Amino acid sequence: MLKYDPNETMKIKDKQWYLYVLLAILFVFIREGGLKITLEYSFNNTLVLLYAYVLACMSFSLKGVVMNGSRDTLLFSKSFSLGMIMGVFSFLGMFLYASALKSGPASVVAPLFSLRSLVIVGLSVLVFKERLSKFQIVAIGIIVIATIIISI
């Protein structure tokens, strides 16, 4: 869904941005849908997630070594350390999501899990002092109401 606010003056000029967003949506859809599929085939979701994160870590590490030319530069950089911490939190979040899918219906779990985007919006307002227009506040309210209705 593209952002629409009649009072917003910011425009996205880089056409690649749209491609990045669409691919990100597709990849997250595959990741989260894949967890449900692996569950239906009685695979161990924890191992599936672990293998996915290990593979991602290895591929990004190799890319970083090639880009920086030195393994020492990559392993001791703040970006790498922060990325590893974020990866642990991401793994734990996805592990708990997979556990929720295992013990509850996906038709309830998935909409509730999707509310994480609202947490990001809330933190952006609190931490970065971003301002929401009335249009955006109404849209957030509609999302919350729709999520409640879908989960009933």
C-alpha atoms as a PDB file:
ATOM      1  CA  MET A   1       0.000   0.000   0.000  1.00  0.00           C
ATOM      2  CA  LEU A   2       1.445   3.313  -0.993  1.00  0.00           C
ATOM      3  CA  LYS A   3       1.389   6.259   1.328  1.00  0.00           C
ATOM      4  CA  TYR A   4      -1.324   8.767   0.559  1.00  0.00           C
ATOM      5  CA  ASP A   5      -1.916  11.890   2.572  1.00  0.00           C
ATOM      6  CA  PRO A   6      -3.356  14.955   0.820  1.00  0.00           C
ATOM      7  CA  ASN A   7      -1.444  17.245   3.216  1.00  0.00           C
ATOM      8  CA  GLU A   8       1.934  15.553   2.740  1.00  0.00           C
ATOM      9  CA  THR A   9       4.467  17.387   0.589  1.00  0.00           C
ATOM     10  CA  MET A  10       7.213  14.739   0.664  1.00  0.00           C
ATOM     11  CA  LYS A  11       7.489  12.800  -2.589  1.00  0.00           C
ATOM     12  CA  ILE A  12       9.610   9.733  -3.264  1.00  0.00           C
ATOM     13  CA  LYS A  13      11.664  10.483  -6.348  1.00  0.00           C
ATOM     14  CA  ASP A  14      13.839   7.385  -6.511  1.00  0.00           C
ATOM     15  CA  LYS A  15      11.959   4.734  -8.510  1.00  0.00           C
ATOM     16  CA  GLN A  16      14.163   1.980  -7.029  1.00  0.00           C
ATOM     17  CA  TRP A  17      12.547   2.646  -3.644  1.00  0.00           C
ATOM     18  CA  TYR A  18       9.318   1.097  -4.899  1.00  0.00           C
ATOM     19  CA  LEU A  19      11.185  -2.009  -6.057  1.00  0.00           C
ATOM     20  CA  TYR A  20      12.934  -2.324  -2.684  1.00  0.00           C
ATOM     21  CA  VAL A  21       9.655  -2.027  -0.796  1.00  0.00           C
ATOM     22  CA  LEU A  22       7.860  -4.541  -3.013  1.00  0.00           C
ATOM     23  CA  LEU A  23      10.721  -7.043  -2.739  1.00  0.00           C
ATOM     24  CA  ALA A  24      10.892  -6.567   1.039  1.00  0.00           C
ATOM     25  CA  ILE A  25       7.155  -7.276   1.298  1.00  0.00           C
ATOM     26  CA  LEU A  26       7.557 -10.364  -0.876  1.00  0.00           C
ATOM     27  CA  PHE A  27      10.513 -11.702   1.122  1.00  0.00           C
ATOM     28  CA  VAL A  28       8.835 -11.116   4.495  1.00  0.00           C
ATOM     29  CA  PHE A  29       5.688 -12.777   3.136  1.00  0.00           C
ATOM     30  CA  ILE A  30       7.739 -15.811   2.082  1.00  0.00           C
ATOM     31  CA  ARG A  31       9.526 -15.919   5.445  1.00  0.00           C
ATOM     32  CA  GLU A  32       6.383 -15.692   7.543  1.00  0.00           C
ATOM     33  CA  GLY A  33       4.268 -17.835   5.233  1.00  0.00           C
ATOM     34  CA  GLY A  34       7.095 -20.316   5.047  1.00  0.00           C
ATOM     35  CA  LEU A  35       6.944 -20.790   8.799  1.00  0.00           C
ATOM     36  CA  LYS A  36       3.300 -21.810   8.534  1.00  0.00           C
ATOM     37  CA  ILE A  37       4.076 -24.164   5.647  1.00  0.00           C
ATOM     38  CA  THR A  38       6.953 -25.822   7.509  1.00  0.00           C
ATOM     39  CA  LEU A  39       4.667 -26.231  10.495  1.00  0.00           C
ATOM     40  CA  GLU A  40       2.032 -27.937   8.342  1.00  0.00           C
ATOM     41  CA  TYR A  41       4.687 -30.381   7.083  1.00  0.00           C
ATOM     42  CA  SER A  42       5.804 -31.072  10.693  1.00  0.00           C
ATOM     43  CA  PHE A  43       9.272 -29.568  10.285  1.00  0.00           C
ATOM     44  CA  ASN A  44      11.056 -28.112  13.289  1.00  0.00           C
ATOM     45  CA  ASN A  45      10.495 -24.346  12.906  1.00  0.00           C
ATOM     46  CA  THR A  46      13.357 -23.563  15.268  1.00  0.00           C
ATOM     47  CA  LEU A  47      15.832 -25.365  13.029  1.00  0.00           C
ATOM     48  CA  VAL A  48      14.360 -23.800   9.889  1.00  0.00           C
ATOM     49  CA  LEU A  49      14.787 -20.334  11.427  1.00  0.00           C
ATOM     50  CA  LEU A  50      18.267 -21.148  12.682  1.00  0.00           C
ATOM     51  CA  TYR A  51      19.401 -22.346   9.256  1.00  0.00           C
ATOM     52  CA  ALA A  52      17.903 -19.251   7.626  1.00  0.00           C
ATOM     53  CA  TYR A  53      19.720 -16.895   9.998  1.00  0.00           C
ATOM     54  CA  VAL A  54      23.012 -18.793   9.758  1.00  0.00           C
ATOM     55  CA  LEU A  55      22.835 -18.694   5.958  1.00  0.00           C
ATOM     56  CA  ALA A  56      22.010 -14.976   6.007  1.00  0.00           C
ATOM     57  CA  CYS A  57      24.851 -14.276   8.449  1.00  0.00           C
ATOM     58  CA  MET A  58      27.332 -16.209   6.332  1.00  0.00           C
ATOM     59  CA  SER A  59      26.303 -14.506   3.097  1.00  0.00           C
ATOM     60  CA  PHE A  60      26.411 -11.007   4.584  1.00  0.00           C
ATOM     61  CA  SER A  61      29.737 -11.756   6.261  1.00  0.00           C
ATOM     62  CA  LEU A  62      31.242 -12.885   2.958  1.00  0.00           C
ATOM     63  CA  LYS A  63      29.907  -9.799   1.226  1.00  0.00           C
ATOM     64  CA  GLY A  64      31.388  -7.626   3.975  1.00  0.00           C
ATOM     65  CA  VAL A  65      34.781  -9.315   3.640  1.00  0.00           C
ATOM     66  CA  VAL A  66      34.775  -8.755  -0.113  1.00  0.00           C
ATOM     67  CA  MET A  67      33.692  -5.125   0.268  1.00  0.00           C
ATOM     68  CA  ASN A  68      36.130  -4.289   3.060  1.00  0.00           C
ATOM     69  CA  GLY A  69      38.908  -6.562   1.895  1.00  0.00           C
ATOM     70  CA  SER A  70      39.713  -7.498   5.478  1.00  0.00           C
ATOM     71  CA  ARG A  71      37.983  -9.902   7.844  1.00  0.00           C
ATOM     72  CA  ASP A  72      39.297  -7.974  10.894  1.00  0.00           C
ATOM     73  CA  THR A  73      37.595  -4.792   9.781  1.00  0.00           C
ATOM     74  CA  LEU A  74      34.260  -6.554   9.467  1.00  0.00           C
ATOM     75  CA  LEU A  75      34.270  -8.649  12.637  1.00  0.00           C
ATOM     76  CA  PHE A  76      35.178  -5.784  14.939  1.00  0.00           C
ATOM     77  CA  SER A  77      33.028  -3.096  13.397  1.00  0.00           C
ATOM     78  CA  LYS A  78      30.149  -1.559  15.333  1.00  0.00           C
ATOM     79  CA  SER A  79      27.818  -2.263  12.415  1.00  0.00           C
ATOM     80  CA  PHE A  80      28.586  -5.977  12.522  1.00  0.00           C
ATOM     81  CA  SER A  81      28.150  -6.138  16.309  1.00  0.00           C
ATOM     82  CA  LEU A  82      24.872  -4.234  16.156  1.00  0.00           C
ATOM     83  CA  GLY A  83      23.713  -6.427  13.287  1.00  0.00           C
ATOM     84  CA  MET A  84      24.448  -9.564  15.289  1.00  0.00           C
ATOM     85  CA  ILE A  85      22.473  -8.228  18.260  1.00  0.00           C
ATOM     86  CA  MET A  86      19.568  -7.324  15.982  1.00  0.00           C
ATOM     87  CA  GLY A  87      19.788 -10.777  14.403  1.00  0.00           C
ATOM     88  CA  VAL A  88      19.429 -12.407  17.824  1.00  0.00           C
ATOM     89  CA  PHE A  89      16.340 -10.314  18.585  1.00  0.00           C
ATOM     90  CA  SER A  90      14.942 -11.046  15.133  1.00  0.00           C
ATOM     91  CA  PHE A  91      15.512 -14.761  15.635  1.00  0.00           C
ATOM     92  CA  LEU A  92      13.827 -14.681  19.048  1.00  0.00           C
ATOM     93  CA  GLY A  93      10.876 -12.737  17.645  1.00  0.00           C
ATOM     94  CA  MET A  94      10.427 -15.140  14.759  1.00  0.00           C
ATOM     95  CA  PHE A  95      10.848 -18.111  17.108  1.00  0.00           C
ATOM     96  CA  LEU A  96       8.031 -16.788  19.298  1.00  0.00           C
ATOM     97  CA  TYR A  97       5.939 -16.079  16.195  1.00  0.00           C
ATOM     98  CA  ALA A  98       6.471 -19.658  15.016  1.00  0.00           C
ATOM     99  CA  SER A  99       5.515 -20.905  18.482  1.00  0.00           C
ATOM    100  CA  ALA A 100       2.346 -18.807  18.345  1.00  0.00           C
ATOM    101  CA  LEU A 101       1.513 -20.262  14.910  1.00  0.00           C
ATOM    102  CA  LYS A 102       2.015 -23.729  16.319  1.00  0.00           C
ATOM    103  CA  SER A 103      -0.344 -23.203  19.232  1.00  0.00           C
ATOM    104  CA  GLY A 104      -2.915 -20.862  17.673  1.00  0.00           C
ATOM    105  CA  PRO A 105      -4.732 -20.252  14.399  1.00  0.00           C
ATOM    106  CA  ALA A 106      -2.792 -18.320  11.771  1.00  0.00           C
ATOM    107  CA  SER A 107      -5.915 -16.258  11.059  1.00  0.00           C
ATOM    108  CA  VAL A 108      -5.536 -14.708  14.523  1.00  0.00           C
ATOM    109  CA  VAL A 109      -1.769 -14.852  15.038  1.00  0.00           C
ATOM    110  CA  ALA A 110      -0.751 -13.201  11.733  1.00  0.00           C
ATOM    111  CA  PRO A 111      -2.921 -10.070  12.067  1.00  0.00           C
ATOM    112  CA  LEU A 112      -1.808  -9.546  15.657  1.00  0.00           C
ATOM    113  CA  PHE A 113       1.818 -10.032  14.667  1.00  0.00           C
ATOM    114  CA  SER A 114       1.401  -7.466  11.893  1.00  0.00           C
ATOM    115  CA  LEU A 115       0.729  -4.794  14.513  1.00  0.00           C
ATOM    116  CA  ARG A 116       4.490  -4.648  15.095  1.00  0.00           C
ATOM    117  CA  SER A 117       4.564  -1.944  12.428  1.00  0.00           C
ATOM    118  CA  LEU A 118       2.472   0.252  14.692  1.00  0.00           C
ATOM    119  CA  VAL A 119       5.085  -0.175  17.427  1.00  0.00           C
ATOM    120  CA  ILE A 120       7.676   1.172  14.988  1.00  0.00           C
ATOM    121  CA  VAL A 121       5.445   4.149  14.194  1.00  0.00           C
ATOM    122  CA  GLY A 122       4.907   4.790  17.901  1.00  0.00           C
ATOM    123  CA  LEU A 123       8.615   4.636  18.653  1.00  0.00           C
ATOM    124  CA  SER A 124       9.348   6.946  15.715  1.00  0.00           C
ATOM    125  CA  VAL A 125       6.996   9.498  17.226  1.00  0.00           C
ATOM    126  CA  LEU A 126       8.452   9.111  20.729  1.00  0.00           C
ATOM    127  CA  VAL A 127      12.142   8.722  19.962  1.00  0.00           C
ATOM    128  CA  PHE A 128      12.640  10.664  16.725  1.00  0.00           C
ATOM    129  CA  LYS A 129       9.882  13.225  17.347  1.00  0.00           C
ATOM    130  CA  GLU A 130       8.222  12.484  14.022  1.00  0.00           C
ATOM    131  CA  ARG A 131       4.834  14.087  13.633  1.00  0.00           C
ATOM    132  CA  LEU A 132       1.755  12.291  12.387  1.00  0.00           C
ATOM    133  CA  SER A 133      -0.922  14.117  10.460  1.00  0.00           C
ATOM    134  CA  LYS A 134      -4.597  13.730  11.347  1.00  0.00           C
ATOM    135  CA  PHE A 135      -4.938  11.591   8.225  1.00  0.00           C
ATOM    136  CA  GLN A 136      -2.206   9.224   9.454  1.00  0.00           C
ATOM    137  CA  ILE A 137      -3.702   9.016  12.959  1.00  0.00           C
ATOM    138  CA  VAL A 138      -7.089   8.075  11.484  1.00  0.00           C
ATOM    139  CA  ALA A 139      -5.381   5.458   9.280  1.00  0.00           C
ATOM    140  CA  ILE A 140      -3.660   3.936  12.326  1.00  0.00           C
ATOM    141  CA  GLY A 141      -6.993   3.797  14.131  1.00  0.00           C
ATOM    142  CA  ILE A 142      -8.562   2.014  11.172  1.00  0.00           C
ATOM    143  CA  ILE A 143      -5.699  -0.503  11.125  1.00  0.00           C
ATOM    144  CA  VAL A 144      -6.174  -1.272  14.811  1.00  0.00           C
ATOM    145  CA  ILE A 145      -9.952  -1.655  14.428  1.00  0.00           C
ATOM    146  CA  ALA A 146      -9.538  -3.845  11.328  1.00  0.00           C
ATOM    147  CA  THR A 147      -7.016  -6.056  13.131  1.00  0.00           C
ATOM    148  CA  ILE A 148      -9.425  -6.528  16.034  1.00  0.00           C
ATOM    149  CA  ILE A 149     -12.261  -7.411  13.668  1.00  0.00           C
ATOM    150  CA  ILE A 150     -10.100  -9.857  11.671  1.00  0.00           C
ATOM    151  CA  SER A 151      -8.941 -11.564  14.875  1.00  0.00           C
ATOM    152  CA  ILE A 152     -12.457 -12.142  16.213  1.00  0.00           C
END
